[in-house]
Amino acid sequence: MQALIVYASLTGNTRRVARALAEELSCPAVDVRKRGDLELASVELLLVGDGVYGGRPSRAMARFLQALPRLEGLRAAVFGTYGAKPSQLPRLVELLRARGAQVVGEFACPGRDWFALGLLRRGRPNARDLARARAFARRLSSAF
């Protein structure tokens, strides 16, 4: 299975999850803000990850997804980290479906909450969170 992970991470929380997923799936993890041109023609599974910024995904991720070509038949999954709740995931799903992708999974875990000056959820995502992310990747992979 050819997978690609695209993520946005302003604080590093989602980047840690993206790297764990990439390690498990043996695929690249690309920061949308540093991406260059991405080739999606051979991708069978697109994983899209982001944190929560004002209750939504980052502007960089929203712009990236809105600019994608049609993704008819492409399977996609969303993931992210959050301080209070994973309110960005429904919007990521909506943006992917609007491009024609079939969303087949979601994963979220807490991240250190920088809105509260980094005082909440210190140390997250932790080893247990990253192990859950890897298990999520294995489940996605086994579905192919």
C-alpha atoms as a PDB file:
ATOM      1  CA  MET A   1       0.000   0.000   0.000  1.00  0.00           C
ATOM      2  CA  GLN A   2       1.327   3.415  -0.980  1.00  0.00           C
ATOM      3  CA  ALA A   3       0.536   5.928   1.794  1.00  0.00           C
ATOM      4  CA  LEU A   4       1.296   9.608   2.250  1.00  0.00           C
ATOM      5  CA  ILE A   5       0.973  11.670   5.408  1.00  0.00           C
ATOM      6  CA  VAL A   6       0.394  15.397   5.176  1.00  0.00           C
ATOM      7  CA  TYR A   7       0.241  17.401   8.373  1.00  0.00           C
ATOM      8  CA  ALA A   8       0.378  20.868   9.889  1.00  0.00           C
ATOM      9  CA  SER A   9       1.861  21.352  13.333  1.00  0.00           C
ATOM     10  CA  LEU A  10       2.533  24.739  14.844  1.00  0.00           C
ATOM     11  CA  THR A  11       3.555  23.378  18.257  1.00  0.00           C
ATOM     12  CA  GLY A  12       5.102  20.011  17.353  1.00  0.00           C
ATOM     13  CA  ASN A  13       2.336  17.875  18.878  1.00  0.00           C
ATOM     14  CA  THR A  14       0.815  16.718  15.584  1.00  0.00           C
ATOM     15  CA  ARG A  15       4.276  16.343  14.030  1.00  0.00           C
ATOM     16  CA  ARG A  16       5.112  13.718  16.669  1.00  0.00           C
ATOM     17  CA  VAL A  17       1.976  11.742  15.792  1.00  0.00           C
ATOM     18  CA  ALA A  18       2.657  12.125  12.048  1.00  0.00           C
ATOM     19  CA  ARG A  19       6.157  10.729  12.485  1.00  0.00           C
ATOM     20  CA  ALA A  20       4.869   7.744  14.472  1.00  0.00           C
ATOM     21  CA  LEU A  21       2.314   6.999  11.748  1.00  0.00           C
ATOM     22  CA  ALA A  22       4.947   7.396   9.028  1.00  0.00           C
ATOM     23  CA  GLU A  23       7.291   5.034  10.823  1.00  0.00           C
ATOM     24  CA  GLU A  24       4.564   2.409  11.101  1.00  0.00           C
ATOM     25  CA  LEU A  25       3.458   2.760   7.474  1.00  0.00           C
ATOM     26  CA  SER A  26       6.972   3.243   6.045  1.00  0.00           C
ATOM     27  CA  CYS A  27       5.868   6.346   4.176  1.00  0.00           C
ATOM     28  CA  PRO A  28       6.762  10.033   4.070  1.00  0.00           C
ATOM     29  CA  ALA A  29       5.273  12.605   6.436  1.00  0.00           C
ATOM     30  CA  VAL A  30       5.184  16.036   4.822  1.00  0.00           C
ATOM     31  CA  ASP A  31       4.559  19.371   6.548  1.00  0.00           C
ATOM     32  CA  VAL A  32       2.050  21.303   4.391  1.00  0.00           C
ATOM     33  CA  ARG A  33       3.952  24.522   4.986  1.00  0.00           C
ATOM     34  CA  LYS A  34       7.145  23.003   3.508  1.00  0.00           C
ATOM     35  CA  ARG A  35       5.671  20.625   0.966  1.00  0.00           C
ATOM     36  CA  GLY A  36       6.579  21.773  -2.524  1.00  0.00           C
ATOM     37  CA  ASP A  37       4.689  19.782  -5.158  1.00  0.00           C
ATOM     38  CA  LEU A  38       3.160  16.508  -3.985  1.00  0.00           C
ATOM     39  CA  GLU A  39       2.478  13.661  -6.380  1.00  0.00           C
ATOM     40  CA  LEU A  40      -0.789  11.960  -5.420  1.00  0.00           C
ATOM     41  CA  ALA A  41      -1.232   9.733  -8.479  1.00  0.00           C
ATOM     42  CA  SER A  42       0.241   6.614  -6.863  1.00  0.00           C
ATOM     43  CA  VAL A  43      -1.108   7.262  -3.350  1.00  0.00           C
ATOM     44  CA  GLU A  44      -3.658   4.726  -2.123  1.00  0.00           C
ATOM     45  CA  LEU A  45      -4.113   6.171   1.374  1.00  0.00           C
ATOM     46  CA  LEU A  46      -3.782   9.840   2.314  1.00  0.00           C
ATOM     47  CA  LEU A  47      -3.502  10.647   6.009  1.00  0.00           C
ATOM     48  CA  VAL A  48      -4.193  14.270   6.923  1.00  0.00           C
ATOM     49  CA  GLY A  49      -3.285  15.625  10.348  1.00  0.00           C
ATOM     50  CA  ASP A  50      -3.599  18.931  12.121  1.00  0.00           C
ATOM     51  CA  GLY A  51      -3.944  20.538  15.524  1.00  0.00           C
ATOM     52  CA  VAL A  52      -6.815  22.728  16.675  1.00  0.00           C
ATOM     53  CA  TYR A  53      -6.562  26.470  16.135  1.00  0.00           C
ATOM     54  CA  GLY A  54      -9.585  28.447  17.236  1.00  0.00           C
ATOM     55  CA  GLY A  55     -11.709  25.286  17.083  1.00  0.00           C
ATOM     56  CA  ARG A  56     -10.686  24.566  13.474  1.00  0.00           C
ATOM     57  CA  PRO A  57      -7.766  23.186  11.476  1.00  0.00           C
ATOM     58  CA  SER A  58      -4.953  25.552  10.562  1.00  0.00           C
ATOM     59  CA  ARG A  59      -5.394  27.924   7.626  1.00  0.00           C
ATOM     60  CA  ALA A  60      -2.414  26.281   5.914  1.00  0.00           C
ATOM     61  CA  MET A  61      -4.122  22.876   5.999  1.00  0.00           C
ATOM     62  CA  ALA A  62      -7.506  24.235   4.920  1.00  0.00           C
ATOM     63  CA  ARG A  63      -5.909  26.029   1.941  1.00  0.00           C
ATOM     64  CA  PHE A  64      -3.932  22.914   1.019  1.00  0.00           C
ATOM     65  CA  LEU A  65      -7.008  20.662   1.049  1.00  0.00           C
ATOM     66  CA  GLN A  66      -9.155  23.155  -0.854  1.00  0.00           C
ATOM     67  CA  ALA A  67      -6.496  23.387  -3.581  1.00  0.00           C
ATOM     68  CA  LEU A  68      -6.214  19.617  -4.119  1.00  0.00           C
ATOM     69  CA  PRO A  69      -7.453  18.112  -7.382  1.00  0.00           C
ATOM     70  CA  ARG A  70     -10.395  15.724  -7.289  1.00  0.00           C
ATOM     71  CA  LEU A  71      -9.605  12.699  -5.107  1.00  0.00           C
ATOM     72  CA  GLU A  72     -12.290  10.346  -6.403  1.00  0.00           C
ATOM     73  CA  GLY A  73     -11.729   6.844  -5.074  1.00  0.00           C
ATOM     74  CA  LEU A  74      -8.815   7.819  -2.828  1.00  0.00           C
ATOM     75  CA  ARG A  75      -9.050   6.544   0.716  1.00  0.00           C
ATOM     76  CA  ALA A  76      -8.167   9.070   3.384  1.00  0.00           C
ATOM     77  CA  ALA A  77      -7.909   9.227   7.151  1.00  0.00           C
ATOM     78  CA  VAL A  78      -7.638  12.177   9.504  1.00  0.00           C
ATOM     79  CA  PHE A  79      -5.696  12.564  12.711  1.00  0.00           C
ATOM     80  CA  GLY A  80      -4.719  15.274  15.110  1.00  0.00           C
ATOM     81  CA  THR A  81      -3.929  16.496  18.549  1.00  0.00           C
ATOM     82  CA  TYR A  82      -6.024  18.760  20.723  1.00  0.00           C
ATOM     83  CA  GLY A  83      -6.043  20.718  23.944  1.00  0.00           C
ATOM     84  CA  ALA A  84      -9.736  20.585  24.836  1.00  0.00           C
ATOM     85  CA  LYS A  85     -11.427  18.497  22.132  1.00  0.00           C
ATOM     86  CA  PRO A  86     -10.625  17.368  18.575  1.00  0.00           C
ATOM     87  CA  SER A  87     -12.917  19.895  16.921  1.00  0.00           C
ATOM     88  CA  GLN A  88     -10.710  20.113  13.801  1.00  0.00           C
ATOM     89  CA  LEU A  89     -11.419  16.548  12.657  1.00  0.00           C
ATOM     90  CA  PRO A  90     -14.983  17.095  11.354  1.00  0.00           C
ATOM     91  CA  ARG A  91     -13.752  20.008   9.224  1.00  0.00           C
ATOM     92  CA  LEU A  92     -10.855  17.928   7.842  1.00  0.00           C
ATOM     93  CA  VAL A  93     -13.329  15.166   6.946  1.00  0.00           C
ATOM     94  CA  GLU A  94     -15.632  17.702   5.281  1.00  0.00           C
ATOM     95  CA  LEU A  95     -12.782  19.170   3.203  1.00  0.00           C
ATOM     96  CA  LEU A  96     -11.603  15.727   2.068  1.00  0.00           C
ATOM     97  CA  ARG A  97     -15.105  14.574   1.158  1.00  0.00           C
ATOM     98  CA  ALA A  98     -15.641  17.789  -0.802  1.00  0.00           C
ATOM     99  CA  ARG A  99     -12.671  16.734  -2.967  1.00  0.00           C
ATOM    100  CA  GLY A 100     -14.190  13.253  -3.448  1.00  0.00           C
ATOM    101  CA  ALA A 101     -12.052  11.256  -0.995  1.00  0.00           C
ATOM    102  CA  GLN A 102     -13.499   8.371   0.986  1.00  0.00           C
ATOM    103  CA  VAL A 103     -12.654   8.950   4.666  1.00  0.00           C
ATOM    104  CA  VAL A 104     -11.993   5.580   6.310  1.00  0.00           C
ATOM    105  CA  GLY A 105     -10.723   6.512   9.773  1.00  0.00           C
ATOM    106  CA  GLU A 106     -10.045   9.103  12.464  1.00  0.00           C
ATOM    107  CA  PHE A 107      -7.519   9.286  15.282  1.00  0.00           C
ATOM    108  CA  ALA A 108      -6.982  11.950  17.926  1.00  0.00           C
ATOM    109  CA  CYS A 109      -5.013  12.270  21.123  1.00  0.00           C
ATOM    110  CA  PRO A 110      -4.301  15.100  23.536  1.00  0.00           C
ATOM    111  CA  GLY A 111      -1.358  17.362  22.942  1.00  0.00           C
ATOM    112  CA  ARG A 112       0.287  19.824  25.253  1.00  0.00           C
ATOM    113  CA  ASP A 113      -2.105  22.752  25.387  1.00  0.00           C
ATOM    114  CA  TRP A 114      -0.075  25.814  24.426  1.00  0.00           C
ATOM    115  CA  PHE A 115      -3.153  28.033  24.708  1.00  0.00           C
ATOM    116  CA  ALA A 116      -2.818  27.560  28.483  1.00  0.00           C
ATOM    117  CA  LEU A 117       0.907  28.455  28.280  1.00  0.00           C
ATOM    118  CA  GLY A 118       1.829  24.783  28.025  1.00  0.00           C
ATOM    119  CA  LEU A 119       0.609  24.029  31.531  1.00  0.00           C
ATOM    120  CA  LEU A 120      -2.082  21.530  30.546  1.00  0.00           C
ATOM    121  CA  ARG A 121      -1.351  18.030  29.254  1.00  0.00           C
ATOM    122  CA  ARG A 122       2.375  18.445  29.649  1.00  0.00           C
ATOM    123  CA  GLY A 123       4.222  15.526  28.054  1.00  0.00           C
ATOM    124  CA  ARG A 124       1.446  14.740  25.570  1.00  0.00           C
ATOM    125  CA  PRO A 125       1.369  13.116  23.154  1.00  0.00           C
ATOM    126  CA  ASN A 126       3.154  10.526  25.276  1.00  0.00           C
ATOM    127  CA  ALA A 127       4.418   7.017  24.528  1.00  0.00           C
ATOM    128  CA  ARG A 128       0.945   5.535  25.080  1.00  0.00           C
ATOM    129  CA  ASP A 129      -0.614   8.057  22.659  1.00  0.00           C
ATOM    130  CA  LEU A 130       2.012   7.268  20.019  1.00  0.00           C
ATOM    131  CA  ALA A 131       1.474   3.524  20.503  1.00  0.00           C
ATOM    132  CA  ARG A 132      -2.255   4.093  19.894  1.00  0.00           C
ATOM    133  CA  ALA A 133      -1.375   6.061  16.742  1.00  0.00           C
ATOM    134  CA  ARG A 134       0.770   3.175  15.489  1.00  0.00           C
ATOM    135  CA  ALA A 135      -2.084   0.729  16.185  1.00  0.00           C
ATOM    136  CA  PHE A 136      -4.404   3.005  14.186  1.00  0.00           C
ATOM    137  CA  ALA A 137      -1.926   2.892  11.279  1.00  0.00           C
ATOM    138  CA  ARG A 138      -1.788  -0.909  11.456  1.00  0.00           C
ATOM    139  CA  ARG A 139      -5.592  -1.119  11.315  1.00  0.00           C
ATOM    140  CA  LEU A 140      -5.652   1.155   8.266  1.00  0.00           C
ATOM    141  CA  SER A 141      -2.914  -0.845   6.598  1.00  0.00           C
ATOM    142  CA  SER A 142      -4.611  -4.183   7.228  1.00  0.00           C
ATOM    143  CA  ALA A 143      -7.772  -2.903   5.522  1.00  0.00           C
ATOM    144  CA  PHE A 144      -5.913  -2.864   2.184  1.00  0.00           C
END
